[in-house]
């Protein structure tokens, strides 16, 4: 069984730009590789940003699909307020909404 890395690092062809993605404490996070080292630079990826990756079938979406599974990834794409509308924000049938 192949191992899938916990972090995904994307760089431009000239290595001048890039981002790094990770799954940490149940959250999908991203940081710019150009950030100064004053803090760790990690920020949570929003549901809208995730949905955009899935719609465009980016490398990020493919990596997350392998790491999380498509159901968990699609659930992470739904904004919390939408989950409340469907009664699943607190985990319907014992399922958690965290990634």
C-alpha atoms as a PDB file:
ATOM      1  CA  UNK A   1       0.000   0.000   0.000  1.00  0.00           C
ATOM      2  CA  UNK A   2       1.576   3.326  -1.045  1.00  0.00           C
ATOM      3  CA  UNK A   3       2.098   6.017   1.563  1.00  0.00           C
ATOM      4  CA  UNK A   4       0.466   9.381   0.973  1.00  0.00           C
ATOM      5  CA  UNK A   5       2.390  12.331   2.442  1.00  0.00           C
ATOM      6  CA  UNK A   6       0.835  14.347   5.267  1.00  0.00           C
ATOM      7  CA  UNK A   7       1.879  17.627   3.616  1.00  0.00           C
ATOM      8  CA  UNK A   8       1.590  18.749   0.023  1.00  0.00           C
ATOM      9  CA  UNK A   9       4.066  21.338  -1.221  1.00  0.00           C
ATOM     10  CA  UNK A  10       3.374  23.170  -4.481  1.00  0.00           C
ATOM     11  CA  UNK A  11       6.028  25.322  -6.126  1.00  0.00           C
ATOM     12  CA  UNK A  12       6.094  27.344  -9.296  1.00  0.00           C
ATOM     13  CA  UNK A  13       8.402  26.309 -12.130  1.00  0.00           C
ATOM     14  CA  UNK A  14      11.002  28.857 -11.003  1.00  0.00           C
ATOM     15  CA  UNK A  15      10.473  28.026  -7.298  1.00  0.00           C
ATOM     16  CA  UNK A  16       9.647  31.667  -6.617  1.00  0.00           C
ATOM     17  CA  UNK A  17       6.076  31.014  -5.516  1.00  0.00           C
ATOM     18  CA  UNK A  18       4.414  28.226  -3.676  1.00  0.00           C
ATOM     19  CA  UNK A  19       2.103  26.945  -0.999  1.00  0.00           C
ATOM     20  CA  UNK A  20       2.139  24.089   1.430  1.00  0.00           C
ATOM     21  CA  UNK A  21      -0.999  22.241   2.538  1.00  0.00           C
ATOM     22  CA  UNK A  22      -1.431  19.984   5.543  1.00  0.00           C
ATOM     23  CA  UNK A  23      -4.047  18.229   7.611  1.00  0.00           C
ATOM     24  CA  UNK A  24      -3.515  19.223  11.235  1.00  0.00           C
ATOM     25  CA  UNK A  25      -5.804  18.672  14.228  1.00  0.00           C
ATOM     26  CA  UNK A  26      -8.685  17.800  11.927  1.00  0.00           C
ATOM     27  CA  UNK A  27      -8.311  20.949   9.834  1.00  0.00           C
ATOM     28  CA  UNK A  28      -7.036  21.492   6.315  1.00  0.00           C
ATOM     29  CA  UNK A  29      -4.469  24.281   6.490  1.00  0.00           C
ATOM     30  CA  UNK A  30      -2.319  26.202   4.030  1.00  0.00           C
ATOM     31  CA  UNK A  31       0.657  28.531   4.228  1.00  0.00           C
ATOM     32  CA  UNK A  32       2.575  30.558   1.712  1.00  0.00           C
ATOM     33  CA  UNK A  33       6.186  29.577   1.222  1.00  0.00           C
ATOM     34  CA  UNK A  34       7.045  33.277   0.872  1.00  0.00           C
ATOM     35  CA  UNK A  35       5.816  34.227   4.362  1.00  0.00           C
ATOM     36  CA  UNK A  36       8.414  35.645   6.716  1.00  0.00           C
ATOM     37  CA  UNK A  37       9.174  33.297   9.580  1.00  0.00           C
ATOM     38  CA  UNK A  38       7.621  35.605  12.207  1.00  0.00           C
ATOM     39  CA  UNK A  39       4.871  33.055  12.851  1.00  0.00           C
ATOM     40  CA  UNK A  40       4.221  29.585  11.542  1.00  0.00           C
ATOM     41  CA  UNK A  41       1.997  31.046   8.802  1.00  0.00           C
ATOM     42  CA  UNK A  42      -0.602  28.246   8.756  1.00  0.00           C
ATOM     43  CA  UNK A  43      -4.220  29.266   8.058  1.00  0.00           C
ATOM     44  CA  UNK A  44      -7.362  27.175   7.819  1.00  0.00           C
ATOM     45  CA  UNK A  45      -8.625  26.620   4.275  1.00  0.00           C
ATOM     46  CA  UNK A  46     -12.234  27.800   4.056  1.00  0.00           C
ATOM     47  CA  UNK A  47     -15.107  25.667   2.811  1.00  0.00           C
ATOM     48  CA  UNK A  48     -15.399  27.935  -0.251  1.00  0.00           C
ATOM     49  CA  UNK A  49     -11.705  27.529  -1.065  1.00  0.00           C
ATOM     50  CA  UNK A  50     -12.007  23.747  -0.751  1.00  0.00           C
ATOM     51  CA  UNK A  51     -15.092  23.732  -2.961  1.00  0.00           C
ATOM     52  CA  UNK A  52     -13.186  25.715  -5.592  1.00  0.00           C
ATOM     53  CA  UNK A  53     -10.348  23.162  -5.547  1.00  0.00           C
ATOM     54  CA  UNK A  54     -12.859  20.310  -5.935  1.00  0.00           C
ATOM     55  CA  UNK A  55     -14.716  22.037  -8.782  1.00  0.00           C
ATOM     56  CA  UNK A  56     -11.456  22.564 -10.672  1.00  0.00           C
ATOM     57  CA  UNK A  57     -10.124  19.087  -9.726  1.00  0.00           C
ATOM     58  CA  UNK A  58      -6.793  20.570  -8.676  1.00  0.00           C
ATOM     59  CA  UNK A  59      -3.807  18.628  -7.406  1.00  0.00           C
ATOM     60  CA  UNK A  60      -4.829  19.801  -3.920  1.00  0.00           C
ATOM     61  CA  UNK A  61      -8.310  18.287  -4.318  1.00  0.00           C
ATOM     62  CA  UNK A  62      -6.855  15.030  -5.621  1.00  0.00           C
ATOM     63  CA  UNK A  63      -4.376  14.830  -2.730  1.00  0.00           C
ATOM     64  CA  UNK A  64      -7.085  15.588  -0.169  1.00  0.00           C
ATOM     65  CA  UNK A  65      -9.380  13.034  -1.798  1.00  0.00           C
ATOM     66  CA  UNK A  66      -6.720  10.370  -1.278  1.00  0.00           C
ATOM     67  CA  UNK A  67      -5.897  11.503   2.272  1.00  0.00           C
ATOM     68  CA  UNK A  68      -9.451  12.041   3.530  1.00  0.00           C
ATOM     69  CA  UNK A  69     -11.678  10.169   1.126  1.00  0.00           C
ATOM     70  CA  UNK A  70     -14.161  11.945  -1.133  1.00  0.00           C
ATOM     71  CA  UNK A  71     -17.032  11.938   1.365  1.00  0.00           C
ATOM     72  CA  UNK A  72     -15.034  13.708   4.055  1.00  0.00           C
ATOM     73  CA  UNK A  73     -13.616  16.141   1.510  1.00  0.00           C
ATOM     74  CA  UNK A  74     -17.048  17.032   0.135  1.00  0.00           C
ATOM     75  CA  UNK A  75     -18.372  17.452   3.658  1.00  0.00           C
ATOM     76  CA  UNK A  76     -15.470  19.827   4.396  1.00  0.00           C
ATOM     77  CA  UNK A  77     -16.546  21.855   1.344  1.00  0.00           C
ATOM     78  CA  UNK A  78     -19.929  22.561   2.906  1.00  0.00           C
ATOM     79  CA  UNK A  79     -19.992  25.701   5.027  1.00  0.00           C
ATOM     80  CA  UNK A  80     -20.934  25.141   8.678  1.00  0.00           C
ATOM     81  CA  UNK A  81     -24.142  27.168   8.320  1.00  0.00           C
ATOM     82  CA  UNK A  82     -25.284  24.838   5.519  1.00  0.00           C
ATOM     83  CA  UNK A  83     -24.609  21.795   7.703  1.00  0.00           C
ATOM     84  CA  UNK A  84     -26.780  23.292  10.452  1.00  0.00           C
ATOM     85  CA  UNK A  85     -29.642  23.677   7.968  1.00  0.00           C
ATOM     86  CA  UNK A  86     -29.525  19.950   7.258  1.00  0.00           C
ATOM     87  CA  UNK A  87     -29.181  18.993  10.924  1.00  0.00           C
ATOM     88  CA  UNK A  88     -25.759  17.398  10.590  1.00  0.00           C
ATOM     89  CA  UNK A  89     -23.472  20.070  12.057  1.00  0.00           C
ATOM     90  CA  UNK A  90     -23.165  18.295  15.386  1.00  0.00           C
ATOM     91  CA  UNK A  91     -22.704  14.919  13.787  1.00  0.00           C
ATOM     92  CA  UNK A  92     -25.808  13.107  12.628  1.00  0.00           C
ATOM     93  CA  UNK A  93     -25.887   9.467  13.704  1.00  0.00           C
ATOM     94  CA  UNK A  94     -22.721   9.924  15.728  1.00  0.00           C
ATOM     95  CA  UNK A  95     -20.650  11.241  12.847  1.00  0.00           C
ATOM     96  CA  UNK A  96     -18.446  14.235  13.407  1.00  0.00           C
ATOM     97  CA  UNK A  97     -18.283  17.123  10.947  1.00  0.00           C
ATOM     98  CA  UNK A  98     -14.588  17.738  11.514  1.00  0.00           C
ATOM     99  CA  UNK A  99     -12.193  16.570   8.876  1.00  0.00           C
END
